[in-house]
C-alpha atoms as a PDB file:
ATOM      1  CA  MET A   1      -0.013   0.000   0.007  1.00  0.00           C
ATOM      2  CA  GLY A   2       2.893   2.396   0.701  1.00  0.00           C
ATOM      3  CA  LEU A   3       4.268   1.976  -2.806  1.00  0.00           C
ATOM      4  CA  ARG A   4       0.848   2.659  -4.293  1.00  0.00           C
ATOM      5  CA  TRP A   5       0.556   6.011  -2.444  1.00  0.00           C
ATOM      6  CA  SER A   6       4.087   6.864  -3.453  1.00  0.00           C
ATOM      7  CA  ARG A   7       3.261   6.390  -7.131  1.00  0.00           C
ATOM      8  CA  LEU A   8       0.103   8.416  -6.757  1.00  0.00           C
ATOM      9  CA  TYR A   9       2.065  11.252  -5.129  1.00  0.00           C
ATOM     10  CA  GLN A  10       4.733  11.149  -7.796  1.00  0.00           C
ATOM     11  CA  THR A  11       2.136  11.302 -10.565  1.00  0.00           C
ATOM     12  CA  ASN A  12       0.316  14.221  -8.972  1.00  0.00           C
ATOM     13  CA  GLY A  13       3.628  15.976  -8.337  1.00  0.00           C
ATOM     14  CA  ILE A  14       4.614  15.679 -12.008  1.00  0.00           C
ATOM     15  CA  ASN A  15       1.175  16.823 -13.157  1.00  0.00           C
ATOM     16  CA  SER A  16       1.350  19.800 -10.819  1.00  0.00           C
ATOM     17  CA  PHE A  17       4.839  20.684 -12.111  1.00  0.00           C
ATOM     18  CA  MET A  18       3.788  20.340 -15.736  1.00  0.00           C
ATOM     19  CA  SER A  19       0.708  22.475 -15.106  1.00  0.00           C
ATOM     20  CA  ALA A  20       2.837  25.207 -13.473  1.00  0.00           C
ATOM     21  CA  TRP A  21       5.349  25.027 -16.376  1.00  0.00           C
ATOM     22  CA  LYS A  22       2.561  25.387 -18.941  1.00  0.00           C
ATOM     23  CA  GLU A  23       1.136  28.385 -17.039  1.00  0.00           C
ATOM     24  CA  TYR A  24       4.610  29.995 -16.867  1.00  0.00           C
ATOM     25  CA  LYS A  25       5.155  29.553 -20.616  1.00  0.00           C
ATOM     26  CA  GLU A  26       1.725  31.085 -21.379  1.00  0.00           C
ATOM     27  CA  LYS A  27       2.536  34.114 -19.241  1.00  0.00           C
ATOM     28  CA  LEU A  28       5.950  34.458 -20.879  1.00  0.00           C
ATOM     29  CA  GLY A  29       4.311  34.844 -24.281  1.00  0.00           C
ATOM     30  CA  ILE A  30       6.073  34.248 -27.583  1.00  0.00           C
ATOM     31  CA  THR A  31       9.333  35.972 -26.719  1.00  0.00           C
ATOM     32  CA  ARG A  32      12.260  34.361 -24.971  1.00  0.00           C
ATOM     33  CA  PRO A  33      15.221  35.939 -23.147  1.00  0.00           C
ATOM     34  CA  TRP A  34      17.686  34.897 -25.835  1.00  0.00           C
ATOM     35  CA  ASP A  35      15.684  36.873 -28.432  1.00  0.00           C
ATOM     36  CA  LEU A  36      17.659  39.930 -27.238  1.00  0.00           C
ATOM     37  CA  LEU A  37      20.793  38.344 -28.672  1.00  0.00           C
ATOM     38  CA  ASN A  38      19.236  37.768 -32.087  1.00  0.00           C
ATOM     39  CA  PRO A  39      20.214  40.587 -34.439  1.00  0.00           C
ATOM     40  CA  ASN A  40      17.209  39.796 -36.630  1.00  0.00           C
ATOM     41  CA  GLU A  41      14.718  40.218 -33.767  1.00  0.00           C
ATOM     42  CA  GLU A  42      12.820  43.520 -34.144  1.00  0.00           C
ATOM     43  CA  LYS A  43      13.213  46.033 -31.344  1.00  0.00           C
ATOM     44  CA  VAL A  44      11.025  48.973 -30.408  1.00  0.00           C
ATOM     45  CA  SER A  45      12.224  52.582 -30.320  1.00  0.00           C
ATOM     46  CA  GLU A  46      13.907  53.891 -27.207  1.00  0.00           C
ATOM     47  CA  GLU A  47      10.772  56.009 -26.545  1.00  0.00           C
ATOM     48  CA  GLU A  48       8.486  52.955 -26.753  1.00  0.00           C
ATOM     49  CA  ALA A  49      10.783  50.891 -24.531  1.00  0.00           C
ATOM     50  CA  LYS A  50      10.809  53.722 -21.952  1.00  0.00           C
ATOM     51  CA  SER A  51       7.035  54.044 -22.098  1.00  0.00           C
ATOM     52  CA  ARG A  52       6.636  50.288 -21.521  1.00  0.00           C
ATOM     53  CA  TYR A  53       9.171  50.274 -18.728  1.00  0.00           C
ATOM     54  CA  ASP A  54       7.481  53.200 -16.983  1.00  0.00           C
ATOM     55  CA  VAL A  55       4.293  51.085 -16.875  1.00  0.00           C
ATOM     56  CA  CYS A  56       6.293  48.241 -15.315  1.00  0.00           C
ATOM     57  CA  LEU A  57       7.839  50.533 -12.713  1.00  0.00           C
ATOM     58  CA  ASP A  58       4.344  51.539 -11.572  1.00  0.00           C
ATOM     59  CA  CYS A  59       3.144  47.938 -11.418  1.00  0.00           C
ATOM     60  CA  ASP A  60       2.810  46.114  -8.079  1.00  0.00           C
ATOM     61  CA  ARG A  61       3.913  42.865  -9.750  1.00  0.00           C
ATOM     62  CA  LEU A  62       7.449  44.173 -10.372  1.00  0.00           C
ATOM     63  CA  ILE A  63      10.180  43.049  -7.960  1.00  0.00           C
ATOM     64  CA  SER A  64      11.971  46.322  -7.371  1.00  0.00           C
ATOM     65  CA  ALA A  65      15.337  44.833  -6.387  1.00  0.00           C
ATOM     66  CA  THR A  66      15.735  42.777  -9.565  1.00  0.00           C
ATOM     67  CA  LYS A  67      13.335  44.620 -11.903  1.00  0.00           C
ATOM     68  CA  GLN A  68      11.800  41.240 -12.548  1.00  0.00           C
ATOM     69  CA  CYS A  69       8.107  40.580 -13.227  1.00  0.00           C
ATOM     70  CA  LYS A  70       6.374  38.297 -10.697  1.00  0.00           C
ATOM     71  CA  GLU A  71       3.981  37.135 -13.428  1.00  0.00           C
ATOM     72  CA  CYS A  72       6.341  36.033 -16.212  1.00  0.00           C
ATOM     73  CA  GLY A  73       9.715  36.082 -14.448  1.00  0.00           C
ATOM     74  CA  CYS A  74      11.334  38.290 -17.095  1.00  0.00           C
ATOM     75  CA  ILE A  75      13.798  41.081 -16.400  1.00  0.00           C
ATOM     76  CA  MET A  76      11.608  43.898 -17.600  1.00  0.00           C
ATOM     77  CA  SER A  77      14.293  46.446 -18.419  1.00  0.00           C
ATOM     78  CA  LEU A  78      15.269  44.051 -21.206  1.00  0.00           C
ATOM     79  CA  LYS A  79      11.912  42.562 -22.226  1.00  0.00           C
ATOM     80  CA  VAL A  80      10.388  45.986 -22.982  1.00  0.00           C
ATOM     81  CA  LYS A  81      12.847  46.393 -25.879  1.00  0.00           C
ATOM     82  CA  LEU A  82      11.476  43.465 -27.897  1.00  0.00           C
ATOM     83  CA  LYS A  83       8.778  44.363 -30.406  1.00  0.00           C
ATOM     84  CA  ARG A  84       6.913  41.038 -30.075  1.00  0.00           C
ATOM     85  CA  ALA A  85       7.011  41.076 -26.290  1.00  0.00           C
ATOM     86  CA  THR A  86       3.860  41.714 -24.317  1.00  0.00           C
ATOM     87  CA  CYS A  87       2.997  42.350 -20.712  1.00  0.00           C
ATOM     88  CA  PRO A  88       1.474  39.201 -19.158  1.00  0.00           C
ATOM     89  CA  LEU A  89      -1.163  41.435 -17.554  1.00  0.00           C
ATOM     90  CA  GLY A  90      -1.979  43.201 -20.821  1.00  0.00           C
ATOM     91  CA  LYS A  91      -0.767  46.598 -19.608  1.00  0.00           C
ATOM     92  CA  TRP A  92       1.284  47.259 -22.762  1.00  0.00           C
END
């Protein structure tokens, strides 16, 4: 009986992890951190990046010490520069 419960726990743990991973990827959107290194990836103007970042700075989901979003985990000072990037809360 102990082994049976162990397998059940392991299965639920994996399902829980996979569910959390799927949710994280959905919040991240279509951009990835390494897109910043791609010279072919379109960037927004400095003005647009600043406008986006100002929204982030006013958001309660931004971790002020790291400038990281609590929703998607991205470093927002960098993410705001990518044209295809979006705010996971739909703020920009």
